[in-house]
Amino acid sequence: MDEPVAPARVEQISARDLKAWQDRKDPITLVDVRTPGERQIATIDGSRLLDQGFHDELMTMDRQAVLVFQCHHGIRSQAAAEYFAAAGFRRVYNLSGGIEAWSQDVDPAVPRY
């Protein structure tokens, strides 16, 4: 009898490691799960808002694509990352500490709120 395949685990990534990936131009998709209002306050360059259209686009992507989820502190993005891991994506990351960590550890020009 075949063993069931466990869903991929969501890995945590630090703001500094994410910045290193961006600097190397690693192929990642950075998904912002915050509200449009929060994005007006602060964003990470290269991120895209997870709205219905982007959700649908993501669901058509190769399940080996690298997805990095981020929110304000890393809690909402963890839930979103788990959803996409359960949908079969194998390389799913959550930005530990969210955009708050990004502002503190990588880019202090990104406003804190």
PDB file of N, CA and C in Angstrom:
ATOM      1  N   MET A   1       0.837  -1.169   0.000  1.00  0.00           N
ATOM      2  CA  MET A   1       0.000   0.000   0.000  1.00  0.00           C
ATOM      3  C   MET A   1       0.888   1.242   0.000  1.00  0.00           C
ATOM      4  N   ASP A   2       0.525   2.229  -0.816  1.00  0.00           N
ATOM      5  CA  ASP A   2       1.301   3.463  -0.876  1.00  0.00           C
ATOM      6  C   ASP A   2       1.066   4.314   0.363  1.00  0.00           C
ATOM      7  N   GLU A   3       2.158   4.910   0.841  1.00  0.00           N
ATOM      8  CA  GLU A   3       2.063   5.838   1.966  1.00  0.00           C
ATOM      9  C   GLU A   3       1.547   7.172   1.446  1.00  0.00           C
ATOM     10  N   PRO A   4       0.648   7.842   2.191  1.00  0.00           N
ATOM     11  CA  PRO A   4       0.207   9.161   1.746  1.00  0.00           C
ATOM     12  C   PRO A   4       1.372  10.145   1.810  1.00  0.00           C
ATOM     13  N   VAL A   5       1.382  11.072   0.877  1.00  0.00           N
ATOM     14  CA  VAL A   5       2.429  12.082   0.831  1.00  0.00           C
ATOM     15  C   VAL A   5       2.003  13.240   1.720  1.00  0.00           C
ATOM     16  N   ALA A   6       2.844  13.568   2.682  1.00  0.00           N
ATOM     17  CA  ALA A   6       2.542  14.680   3.582  1.00  0.00           C
ATOM     18  C   ALA A   6       2.693  15.998   2.826  1.00  0.00           C
ATOM     19  N   PRO A   7       1.843  16.989   3.143  1.00  0.00           N
ATOM     20  CA  PRO A   7       1.995  18.279   2.493  1.00  0.00           C
ATOM     21  C   PRO A   7       3.348  18.902   2.838  1.00  0.00           C
ATOM     22  N   ALA A   8       3.818  19.759   1.955  1.00  0.00           N
ATOM     23  CA  ALA A   8       5.091  20.434   2.198  1.00  0.00           C
ATOM     24  C   ALA A   8       4.993  21.269   3.465  1.00  0.00           C
ATOM     25  N   ARG A   9       6.083  21.363   4.156  1.00  0.00           N
ATOM     26  CA  ARG A   9       6.137  22.216   5.340  1.00  0.00           C
ATOM     27  C   ARG A   9       6.456  23.637   4.917  1.00  0.00           C
ATOM     28  N   VAL A  10       5.945  24.568   5.673  1.00  0.00           N
ATOM     29  CA  VAL A  10       6.270  25.971   5.457  1.00  0.00           C
ATOM     30  C   VAL A  10       7.558  26.262   6.210  1.00  0.00           C
ATOM     31  N   GLU A  11       8.548  26.730   5.487  1.00  0.00           N
ATOM     32  CA  GLU A  11       9.829  27.094   6.102  1.00  0.00           C
ATOM     33  C   GLU A  11       9.801  28.572   6.468  1.00  0.00           C
ATOM     34  N   GLN A  12      10.509  28.932   7.517  1.00  0.00           N
ATOM     35  CA  GLN A  12      10.643  30.333   7.909  1.00  0.00           C
ATOM     36  C   GLN A  12      11.886  30.904   7.230  1.00  0.00           C
ATOM     37  N   ILE A  13      11.786  32.151   6.793  1.00  0.00           N
ATOM     38  CA  ILE A  13      12.939  32.841   6.213  1.00  0.00           C
ATOM     39  C   ILE A  13      13.072  34.192   6.900  1.00  0.00           C
ATOM     40  N   SER A  14      14.299  34.537   7.214  1.00  0.00           N
ATOM     41  CA  SER A  14      14.545  35.832   7.858  1.00  0.00           C
ATOM     42  C   SER A  14      14.529  36.936   6.807  1.00  0.00           C
ATOM     43  N   ALA A  15      14.337  38.147   7.275  1.00  0.00           N
ATOM     44  CA  ALA A  15      14.354  39.298   6.372  1.00  0.00           C
ATOM     45  C   ALA A  15      15.715  39.411   5.672  1.00  0.00           C
ATOM     46  N   ARG A  16      16.775  39.177   6.386  1.00  0.00           N
ATOM     47  CA  ARG A  16      18.118  39.273   5.782  1.00  0.00           C
ATOM     48  C   ARG A  16      18.321  38.209   4.703  1.00  0.00           C
ATOM     49  N   ASP A  17      17.839  36.996   4.963  1.00  0.00           N
ATOM     50  CA  ASP A  17      17.985  35.939   3.957  1.00  0.00           C
ATOM     51  C   ASP A  17      17.130  36.240   2.728  1.00  0.00           C
ATOM     52  N   LEU A  18      15.929  36.772   2.936  1.00  0.00           N
ATOM     53  CA  LEU A  18      15.092  37.154   1.803  1.00  0.00           C
ATOM     54  C   LEU A  18      15.779  38.238   0.974  1.00  0.00           C
ATOM     55  N   LYS A  19      16.376  39.210   1.636  1.00  0.00           N
ATOM     56  CA  LYS A  19      17.095  40.273   0.931  1.00  0.00           C
ATOM     57  C   LYS A  19      18.246  39.686   0.118  1.00  0.00           C
ATOM     58  N   ALA A  20      18.946  38.723   0.669  1.00  0.00           N
ATOM     59  CA  ALA A  20      20.049  38.075  -0.061  1.00  0.00           C
ATOM     60  C   ALA A  20      19.509  37.380  -1.302  1.00  0.00           C
ATOM     61  N   TRP A  21      18.366  36.705  -1.192  1.00  0.00           N
ATOM     62  CA  TRP A  21      17.754  36.070  -2.368  1.00  0.00           C
ATOM     63  C   TRP A  21      17.421  37.117  -3.417  1.00  0.00           C
ATOM     64  N   GLN A  22      16.854  38.227  -2.984  1.00  0.00           N
ATOM     65  CA  GLN A  22      16.507  39.292  -3.930  1.00  0.00           C
ATOM     66  C   GLN A  22      17.762  39.849  -4.591  1.00  0.00           C
ATOM     67  N   ASP A  23      18.802  40.079  -3.816  1.00  0.00           N
ATOM     68  CA  ASP A  23      20.046  40.630  -4.358  1.00  0.00           C
ATOM     69  C   ASP A  23      20.674  39.695  -5.383  1.00  0.00           C
ATOM     70  N   ARG A  24      20.530  38.387  -5.162  1.00  0.00           N
ATOM     71  CA  ARG A  24      21.050  37.402  -6.116  1.00  0.00           C
ATOM     72  C   ARG A  24      20.113  37.216  -7.307  1.00  0.00           C
ATOM     73  N   LYS A  25      18.952  37.839  -7.217  1.00  0.00           N
ATOM     74  CA  LYS A  25      17.922  37.721  -8.262  1.00  0.00           C
ATOM     75  C   LYS A  25      17.415  36.286  -8.386  1.00  0.00           C
ATOM     76  N   ASP A  26      17.365  35.595  -7.229  1.00  0.00           N
ATOM     77  CA  ASP A  26      16.781  34.252  -7.210  1.00  0.00           C
ATOM     78  C   ASP A  26      15.317  34.352  -7.645  1.00  0.00           C
ATOM     79  N   PRO A  27      14.823  33.384  -8.375  1.00  0.00           N
ATOM     80  CA  PRO A  27      13.429  33.430  -8.833  1.00  0.00           C
ATOM     81  C   PRO A  27      12.462  33.120  -7.686  1.00  0.00           C
ATOM     82  N   ILE A  28      11.896  34.168  -7.102  1.00  0.00           N
ATOM     83  CA  ILE A  28      10.926  34.003  -6.026  1.00  0.00           C
ATOM     84  C   ILE A  28       9.688  34.816  -6.356  1.00  0.00           C
ATOM     85  N   THR A  29       8.583  34.398  -5.783  1.00  0.00           N
ATOM     86  CA  THR A  29       7.350  35.163  -5.854  1.00  0.00           C
ATOM     87  C   THR A  29       7.042  35.615  -4.437  1.00  0.00           C
ATOM     88  N   LEU A  30       7.063  36.926  -4.219  1.00  0.00           N
ATOM     89  CA  LEU A  30       6.839  37.502  -2.898  1.00  0.00           C
ATOM     90  C   LEU A  30       5.386  37.941  -2.792  1.00  0.00           C
ATOM     91  N   VAL A  31       4.652  37.298  -1.895  1.00  0.00           N
ATOM     92  CA  VAL A  31       3.212  37.470  -1.780  1.00  0.00           C
ATOM     93  C   VAL A  31       2.894  38.213  -0.491  1.00  0.00           C
ATOM     94  N   ASP A  32       2.247  39.368  -0.629  1.00  0.00           N
ATOM     95  CA  ASP A  32       1.859  40.202   0.508  1.00  0.00           C
ATOM     96  C   ASP A  32       0.399  39.918   0.834  1.00  0.00           C
ATOM     97  N   VAL A  33       0.121  39.417   2.025  1.00  0.00           N
ATOM     98  CA  VAL A  33      -1.245  39.060   2.396  1.00  0.00           C
ATOM     99  C   VAL A  33      -1.926  40.141   3.232  1.00  0.00           C
ATOM    100  N   ARG A  34      -1.304  41.301   3.357  1.00  0.00           N
ATOM    101  CA  ARG A  34      -1.914  42.395   4.123  1.00  0.00           C
ATOM    102  C   ARG A  34      -3.031  43.053   3.324  1.00  0.00           C
ATOM    103  N   THR A  35      -3.645  44.043   3.908  1.00  0.00           N
ATOM    104  CA  THR A  35      -4.723  44.771   3.250  1.00  0.00           C
ATOM    105  C   THR A  35      -4.141  45.831   2.316  1.00  0.00           C
ATOM    106  N   PRO A  36      -4.924  46.282   1.336  1.00  0.00           N
ATOM    107  CA  PRO A  36      -4.454  47.384   0.489  1.00  0.00           C
ATOM    108  C   PRO A  36      -4.068  48.620   1.310  1.00  0.00           C
ATOM    109  N   GLY A  37      -4.789  48.889   2.383  1.00  0.00           N
ATOM    110  CA  GLY A  37      -4.447  50.022   3.237  1.00  0.00           C
ATOM    111  C   GLY A  37      -3.082  49.877   3.885  1.00  0.00           C
ATOM    112  N   GLU A  38      -2.764  48.670   4.329  1.00  0.00           N
ATOM    113  CA  GLU A  38      -1.439  48.437   4.905  1.00  0.00           C
ATOM    114  C   GLU A  38      -0.351  48.609   3.859  1.00  0.00           C
ATOM    115  N   ARG A  39      -0.633  48.175   2.643  1.00  0.00           N
ATOM    116  CA  ARG A  39       0.355  48.325   1.557  1.00  0.00           C
ATOM    117  C   ARG A  39       0.602  49.792   1.229  1.00  0.00           C
ATOM    118  N   GLN A  40      -0.396  50.638   1.450  1.00  0.00           N
ATOM    119  CA  GLN A  40      -0.190  52.073   1.212  1.00  0.00           C
ATOM    120  C   GLN A  40       0.796  52.655   2.214  1.00  0.00           C
ATOM    121  N   ILE A  41       0.869  52.064   3.389  1.00  0.00           N
ATOM    122  CA  ILE A  41       1.789  52.542   4.426  1.00  0.00           C
ATOM    123  C   ILE A  41       3.214  52.071   4.137  1.00  0.00           C
ATOM    124  N   ALA A  42       3.354  50.792   3.794  1.00  0.00           N
ATOM    125  CA  ALA A  42       4.693  50.209   3.649  1.00  0.00           C
ATOM    126  C   ALA A  42       4.618  48.979   2.759  1.00  0.00           C
ATOM    127  N   THR A  43       5.634  48.833   1.888  1.00  0.00           N
ATOM    128  CA  THR A  43       5.724  47.636   1.045  1.00  0.00           C
ATOM    129  C   THR A  43       7.171  47.204   0.900  1.00  0.00           C
ATOM    130  N   ILE A  44       7.337  45.964   0.559  1.00  0.00           N
ATOM    131  CA  ILE A  44       8.645  45.428   0.196  1.00  0.00           C
ATOM    132  C   ILE A  44       8.678  45.391  -1.324  1.00  0.00           C
ATOM    133  N   ASP A  45       9.715  45.984  -1.907  1.00  0.00           N
ATOM    134  CA  ASP A  45       9.833  45.998  -3.366  1.00  0.00           C
ATOM    135  C   ASP A  45       9.725  44.590  -3.926  1.00  0.00           C
ATOM    136  N   GLY A  46       8.940  44.464  -4.970  1.00  0.00           N
ATOM    137  CA  GLY A  46       8.783  43.184  -5.639  1.00  0.00           C
ATOM    138  C   GLY A  46       7.620  42.349  -5.126  1.00  0.00           C
ATOM    139  N   SER A  47       6.976  42.792  -4.049  1.00  0.00           N
ATOM    140  CA  SER A  47       5.849  42.024  -3.516  1.00  0.00           C
ATOM    141  C   SER A  47       4.578  42.344  -4.296  1.00  0.00           C
ATOM    142  N   ARG A  48       3.656  41.384  -4.248  1.00  0.00           N
ATOM    143  CA  ARG A  48       2.343  41.566  -4.884  1.00  0.00           C
ATOM    144  C   ARG A  48       1.253  41.247  -3.878  1.00  0.00           C
ATOM    145  N   LEU A  49       0.214  42.033  -3.918  1.00  0.00           N
ATOM    146  CA  LEU A  49      -0.926  41.840  -3.026  1.00  0.00           C
ATOM    147  C   LEU A  49      -1.676  40.564  -3.396  1.00  0.00           C
ATOM    148  N   LEU A  50      -1.980  39.759  -2.396  1.00  0.00           N
ATOM    149  CA  LEU A  50      -2.746  38.537  -2.629  1.00  0.00           C
ATOM    150  C   LEU A  50      -4.231  38.894  -2.677  1.00  0.00           C
ATOM    151  N   ASP A  51      -4.700  39.190  -3.867  1.00  0.00           N
ATOM    152  CA  ASP A  51      -6.123  39.383  -4.091  1.00  0.00           C
ATOM    153  C   ASP A  51      -6.630  38.164  -4.858  1.00  0.00           C
ATOM    154  N   GLN A  52      -7.905  38.159  -5.222  1.00  0.00           N
ATOM    155  CA  GLN A  52      -8.459  36.975  -5.889  1.00  0.00           C
ATOM    156  C   GLN A  52      -7.761  36.684  -7.213  1.00  0.00           C
ATOM    157  N   GLY A  53      -7.477  37.737  -7.980  1.00  0.00           N
ATOM    158  CA  GLY A  53      -6.810  37.542  -9.264  1.00  0.00           C
ATOM    159  C   GLY A  53      -5.428  36.939  -9.115  1.00  0.00           C
ATOM    160  N   PHE A  54      -4.659  37.423  -8.135  1.00  0.00           N
ATOM    161  CA  PHE A  54      -3.313  36.883  -7.923  1.00  0.00           C
ATOM    162  C   PHE A  54      -3.398  35.469  -7.356  1.00  0.00           C
ATOM    163  N   HIS A  55      -4.364  35.217  -6.490  1.00  0.00           N
ATOM    164  CA  HIS A  55      -4.585  33.854  -5.990  1.00  0.00           C
ATOM    165  C   HIS A  55      -4.778  32.896  -7.157  1.00  0.00           C
ATOM    166  N   ASP A  56      -5.677  33.271  -8.068  1.00  0.00           N
ATOM    167  CA  ASP A  56      -5.972  32.411  -9.212  1.00  0.00           C
ATOM    168  C   ASP A  56      -4.726  32.208 -10.078  1.00  0.00           C
ATOM    169  N   GLU A  57      -3.944  33.263 -10.252  1.00  0.00           N
ATOM    170  CA  GLU A  57      -2.697  33.160 -11.022  1.00  0.00           C
ATOM    171  C   GLU A  57      -1.714  32.207 -10.338  1.00  0.00           C
ATOM    172  N   LEU A  58      -1.576  32.343  -9.029  1.00  0.00           N
ATOM    173  CA  LEU A  58      -0.669  31.461  -8.297  1.00  0.00           C
ATOM    174  C   LEU A  58      -1.071  30.003  -8.448  1.00  0.00           C
ATOM    175  N   MET A  59      -2.369  29.741  -8.425  1.00  0.00           N
ATOM    176  CA  MET A  59      -2.842  28.360  -8.498  1.00  0.00           C
ATOM    177  C   MET A  59      -2.527  27.697  -9.844  1.00  0.00           C
ATOM    178  N   THR A  60      -2.150  28.485 -10.852  1.00  0.00           N
ATOM    179  CA  THR A  60      -1.765  27.914 -12.143  1.00  0.00           C
ATOM    180  C   THR A  60      -0.258  27.700 -12.250  1.00  0.00           C
ATOM    181  N   MET A  61       0.489  28.147 -11.256  1.00  0.00           N
ATOM    182  CA  MET A  61       1.950  28.083 -11.321  1.00  0.00           C
ATOM    183  C   MET A  61       2.476  26.677 -11.046  1.00  0.00           C
ATOM    184  N   ASP A  62       3.703  26.451 -11.484  1.00  0.00           N
ATOM    185  CA  ASP A  62       4.430  25.217 -11.194  1.00  0.00           C
ATOM    186  C   ASP A  62       4.516  25.051  -9.678  1.00  0.00           C
ATOM    187  N   ARG A  63       4.223  23.870  -9.203  1.00  0.00           N
ATOM    188  CA  ARG A  63       4.226  23.621  -7.763  1.00  0.00           C
ATOM    189  C   ARG A  63       5.634  23.626  -7.168  1.00  0.00           C
ATOM    190  N   GLN A  64       6.663  23.743  -8.010  1.00  0.00           N
ATOM    191  CA  GLN A  64       8.036  23.875  -7.529  1.00  0.00           C
ATOM    192  C   GLN A  64       8.471  25.336  -7.418  1.00  0.00           C
ATOM    193  N   ALA A  65       7.604  26.266  -7.799  1.00  0.00           N
ATOM    194  CA  ALA A  65       7.933  27.689  -7.688  1.00  0.00           C
ATOM    195  C   ALA A  65       8.184  28.052  -6.225  1.00  0.00           C
ATOM    196  N   VAL A  66       9.105  28.975  -6.007  1.00  0.00           N
ATOM    197  CA  VAL A  66       9.391  29.441  -4.647  1.00  0.00           C
ATOM    198  C   VAL A  66       8.422  30.573  -4.318  1.00  0.00           C
ATOM    199  N   LEU A  67       7.613  30.338  -3.280  1.00  0.00           N
ATOM    200  CA  LEU A  67       6.659  31.334  -2.817  1.00  0.00           C
ATOM    201  C   LEU A  67       7.077  31.797  -1.428  1.00  0.00           C
ATOM    202  N   VAL A  68       7.177  33.119  -1.255  1.00  0.00           N
ATOM    203  CA  VAL A  68       7.482  33.704   0.053  1.00  0.00           C
ATOM    204  C   VAL A  68       6.301  34.591   0.423  1.00  0.00           C
ATOM    205  N   PHE A  69       5.702  34.310   1.578  1.00  0.00           N
ATOM    206  CA  PHE A  69       4.547  35.061   2.046  1.00  0.00           C
ATOM    207  C   PHE A  69       4.970  36.024   3.142  1.00  0.00           C
ATOM    208  N   GLN A  70       4.354  37.207   3.139  1.00  0.00           N
ATOM    209  CA  GLN A  70       4.664  38.189   4.174  1.00  0.00           C
ATOM    210  C   GLN A  70       3.417  38.980   4.552  1.00  0.00           C
ATOM    211  N   CYS A  71       3.401  39.393   5.810  1.00  0.00           N
ATOM    212  CA  CYS A  71       2.350  40.272   6.323  1.00  0.00           C
ATOM    213  C   CYS A  71       3.023  41.269   7.261  1.00  0.00           C
ATOM    214  N   HIS A  72       2.308  41.740   8.263  1.00  0.00           N
ATOM    215  CA  HIS A  72       2.882  42.716   9.180  1.00  0.00           C
ATOM    216  C   HIS A  72       3.886  42.072  10.139  1.00  0.00           C
ATOM    217  N   HIS A  73       3.472  40.987  10.812  1.00  0.00           N
ATOM    218  CA  HIS A  73       4.345  40.336  11.791  1.00  0.00           C
ATOM    219  C   HIS A  73       4.632  38.866  11.498  1.00  0.00           C
ATOM    220  N   GLY A  74       3.995  38.294  10.470  1.00  0.00           N
ATOM    221  CA  GLY A  74       4.283  36.914  10.096  1.00  0.00           C
ATOM    222  C   GLY A  74       3.223  35.910  10.491  1.00  0.00           C
ATOM    223  N   ILE A  75       2.112  36.361  11.041  1.00  0.00           N
ATOM    224  CA  ILE A  75       1.073  35.423  11.480  1.00  0.00           C
ATOM    225  C   ILE A  75       0.083  35.137  10.360  1.00  0.00           C
ATOM    226  N   ARG A  76      -0.481  36.180   9.757  1.00  0.00           N
ATOM    227  CA  ARG A  76      -1.407  35.972   8.635  1.00  0.00           C
ATOM    228  C   ARG A  76      -0.704  35.299   7.471  1.00  0.00           C
ATOM    229  N   SER A  77       0.540  35.683   7.231  1.00  0.00           N
ATOM    230  CA  SER A  77       1.273  35.092   6.112  1.00  0.00           C
ATOM    231  C   SER A  77       1.567  33.611   6.360  1.00  0.00           C
ATOM    232  N   GLN A  78       1.748  33.212   7.611  1.00  0.00           N
ATOM    233  CA  GLN A  78       1.950  31.798   7.918  1.00  0.00           C
ATOM    234  C   GLN A  78       0.713  31.002   7.506  1.00  0.00           C
ATOM    235  N   ALA A  79      -0.463  31.524   7.827  1.00  0.00           N
ATOM    236  CA  ALA A  79      -1.701  30.839   7.461  1.00  0.00           C
ATOM    237  C   ALA A  79      -1.847  30.738   5.945  1.00  0.00           C
ATOM    238  N   ALA A  80      -1.527  31.811   5.239  1.00  0.00           N
ATOM    239  CA  ALA A  80      -1.615  31.789   3.773  1.00  0.00           C
ATOM    240  C   ALA A  80      -0.607  30.806   3.196  1.00  0.00           C
ATOM    241  N   ALA A  81       0.598  30.787   3.747  1.00  0.00           N
ATOM    242  CA  ALA A  81       1.633  29.868   3.274  1.00  0.00           C
ATOM    243  C   ALA A  81       1.184  28.418   3.469  1.00  0.00           C
ATOM    244  N   GLU A  82       0.569  28.134   4.606  1.00  0.00           N
ATOM    245  CA  GLU A  82       0.085  26.774   4.863  1.00  0.00           C
ATOM    246  C   GLU A  82      -1.006  26.387   3.867  1.00  0.00           C
ATOM    247  N   TYR A  83      -1.849  27.327   3.501  1.00  0.00           N
ATOM    248  CA  TYR A  83      -2.896  27.075   2.503  1.00  0.00           C
ATOM    249  C   TYR A  83      -2.266  26.656   1.172  1.00  0.00           C
ATOM    250  N   PHE A  84      -1.252  27.398   0.727  1.00  0.00           N
ATOM    251  CA  PHE A  84      -0.622  27.082  -0.559  1.00  0.00           C
ATOM    252  C   PHE A  84       0.217  25.806  -0.478  1.00  0.00           C
ATOM    253  N   ALA A  85       0.812  25.530   0.662  1.00  0.00           N
ATOM    254  CA  ALA A  85       1.520  24.253   0.826  1.00  0.00           C
ATOM    255  C   ALA A  85       0.529  23.092   0.725  1.00  0.00           C
ATOM    256  N   ALA A  86      -0.634  23.260   1.334  1.00  0.00           N
ATOM    257  CA  ALA A  86      -1.653  22.212   1.257  1.00  0.00           C
ATOM    258  C   ALA A  86      -2.180  22.049  -0.163  1.00  0.00           C
ATOM    259  N   ALA A  87      -2.055  23.110  -0.980  1.00  0.00           N
ATOM    260  CA  ALA A  87      -2.486  23.051  -2.382  1.00  0.00           C
ATOM    261  C   ALA A  87      -1.424  22.412  -3.273  1.00  0.00           C
ATOM    262  N   GLY A  88      -0.332  21.939  -2.667  1.00  0.00           N
ATOM    263  CA  GLY A  88       0.669  21.196  -3.427  1.00  0.00           C
ATOM    264  C   GLY A  88       1.959  21.928  -3.718  1.00  0.00           C
ATOM    265  N   PHE A  89       2.085  23.195  -3.318  1.00  0.00           N
ATOM    266  CA  PHE A  89       3.347  23.899  -3.524  1.00  0.00           C
ATOM    267  C   PHE A  89       4.384  23.322  -2.574  1.00  0.00           C
ATOM    268  N   ARG A  90       5.585  23.078  -3.094  1.00  0.00           N
ATOM    269  CA  ARG A  90       6.609  22.363  -2.329  1.00  0.00           C
ATOM    270  C   ARG A  90       7.678  23.268  -1.729  1.00  0.00           C
ATOM    271  N   ARG A  91       7.797  24.507  -2.217  1.00  0.00           N
ATOM    272  CA  ARG A  91       8.854  25.418  -1.748  1.00  0.00           C
ATOM    273  C   ARG A  91       8.189  26.696  -1.245  1.00  0.00           C
ATOM    274  N   VAL A  92       7.653  26.605  -0.031  1.00  0.00           N
ATOM    275  CA  VAL A  92       6.835  27.669   0.545  1.00  0.00           C
ATOM    276  C   VAL A  92       7.529  28.215   1.793  1.00  0.00           C
ATOM    277  N   TYR A  93       7.633  29.535   1.844  1.00  0.00           N
ATOM    278  CA  TYR A  93       8.320  30.213   2.944  1.00  0.00           C
ATOM    279  C   TYR A  93       7.435  31.296   3.533  1.00  0.00           C
ATOM    280  N   ASN A  94       7.650  31.547   4.815  1.00  0.00           N
ATOM    281  CA  ASN A  94       6.993  32.633   5.521  1.00  0.00           C
ATOM    282  C   ASN A  94       8.072  33.586   6.016  1.00  0.00           C
ATOM    283  N   LEU A  95       7.896  34.885   5.755  1.00  0.00           N
ATOM    284  CA  LEU A  95       8.853  35.881   6.233  1.00  0.00           C
ATOM    285  C   LEU A  95       8.674  36.036   7.743  1.00  0.00           C
ATOM    286  N   SER A  96       9.622  35.512   8.473  1.00  0.00           N
ATOM    287  CA  SER A  96       9.581  35.563   9.932  1.00  0.00           C
ATOM    288  C   SER A  96       9.644  37.012  10.397  1.00  0.00           C
ATOM    289  N   GLY A  97       8.629  37.420  11.164  1.00  0.00           N
ATOM    290  CA  GLY A  97       8.595  38.798  11.661  1.00  0.00           C
ATOM    291  C   GLY A  97       7.962  39.778  10.702  1.00  0.00           C
ATOM    292  N   GLY A  98       7.625  39.321   9.495  1.00  0.00           N
ATOM    293  CA  GLY A  98       6.923  40.151   8.523  1.00  0.00           C
ATOM    294  C   GLY A  98       7.656  41.418   8.113  1.00  0.00           C
ATOM    295  N   ILE A  99       6.865  42.373   7.634  1.00  0.00           N
ATOM    296  CA  ILE A  99       7.451  43.625   7.154  1.00  0.00           C
ATOM    297  C   ILE A  99       8.077  44.412   8.305  1.00  0.00           C
ATOM    298  N   GLU A 100       7.644  44.132   9.518  1.00  0.00           N
ATOM    299  CA  GLU A 100       8.256  44.761  10.695  1.00  0.00           C
ATOM    300  C   GLU A 100       9.730  44.361  10.772  1.00  0.00           C
ATOM    301  N   ALA A 101      10.023  43.088  10.606  1.00  0.00           N
ATOM    302  CA  ALA A 101      11.413  42.617  10.619  1.00  0.00           C
ATOM    303  C   ALA A 101      12.180  43.193   9.436  1.00  0.00           C
ATOM    304  N   TRP A 102      11.519  43.288   8.283  1.00  0.00           N
ATOM    305  CA  TRP A 102      12.157  43.862   7.097  1.00  0.00           C
ATOM    306  C   TRP A 102      12.614  45.292   7.391  1.00  0.00           C
ATOM    307  N   SER A 103      11.722  46.080   7.991  1.00  0.00           N
ATOM    308  CA  SER A 103      12.043  47.471   8.309  1.00  0.00           C
ATOM    309  C   SER A 103      13.172  47.573   9.327  1.00  0.00           C
ATOM    310  N   GLN A 104      13.166  46.702  10.316  1.00  0.00           N
ATOM    311  CA  GLN A 104      14.185  46.747  11.363  1.00  0.00           C
ATOM    312  C   GLN A 104      15.529  46.192  10.907  1.00  0.00           C
ATOM    313  N   ASP A 105      15.525  45.119  10.109  1.00  0.00           N
ATOM    314  CA  ASP A 105      16.762  44.401   9.798  1.00  0.00           C
ATOM    315  C   ASP A 105      17.341  44.675   8.415  1.00  0.00           C
ATOM    316  N   VAL A 106      16.505  45.168   7.485  1.00  0.00           N
ATOM    317  CA  VAL A 106      16.965  45.313   6.100  1.00  0.00           C
ATOM    318  C   VAL A 106      16.859  46.753   5.601  1.00  0.00           C
ATOM    319  N   ASP A 107      15.677  47.338   5.714  1.00  0.00           N
ATOM    320  CA  ASP A 107      15.448  48.648   5.088  1.00  0.00           C
ATOM    321  C   ASP A 107      14.687  49.567   6.038  1.00  0.00           C
ATOM    322  N   PRO A 108      15.406  50.358   6.830  1.00  0.00           N
ATOM    323  CA  PRO A 108      14.744  51.247   7.766  1.00  0.00           C
ATOM    324  C   PRO A 108      13.926  52.352   7.100  1.00  0.00           C
ATOM    325  N   ALA A 109      14.062  52.511   5.784  1.00  0.00           N
ATOM    326  CA  ALA A 109      13.246  53.489   5.070  1.00  0.00           C
ATOM    327  C   ALA A 109      11.792  53.004   4.908  1.00  0.00           C
ATOM    328  N   VAL A 110      11.576  51.697   5.097  1.00  0.00           N
ATOM    329  CA  VAL A 110      10.214  51.171   5.055  1.00  0.00           C
ATOM    330  C   VAL A 110       9.543  51.536   6.370  1.00  0.00           C
ATOM    331  N   PRO A 111       8.451  52.315   6.312  1.00  0.00           N
ATOM    332  CA  PRO A 111       7.822  52.784   7.555  1.00  0.00           C
ATOM    333  C   PRO A 111       7.333  51.634   8.425  1.00  0.00           C
ATOM    334  N   ARG A 112       7.457  51.837   9.723  1.00  0.00           N
ATOM    335  CA  ARG A 112       6.910  50.902  10.707  1.00  0.00           C
ATOM    336  C   ARG A 112       5.550  51.424  11.134  1.00  0.00           C
ATOM    337  N   TYR A 113       4.658  50.516  11.422  1.00  0.00           N
ATOM    338  CA  TYR A 113       3.318  50.932  11.868  1.00  0.00           C
ATOM    339  C   TYR A 113       2.774  49.948  12.887  1.00  0.00           C
TER     340      TYR A 113
END
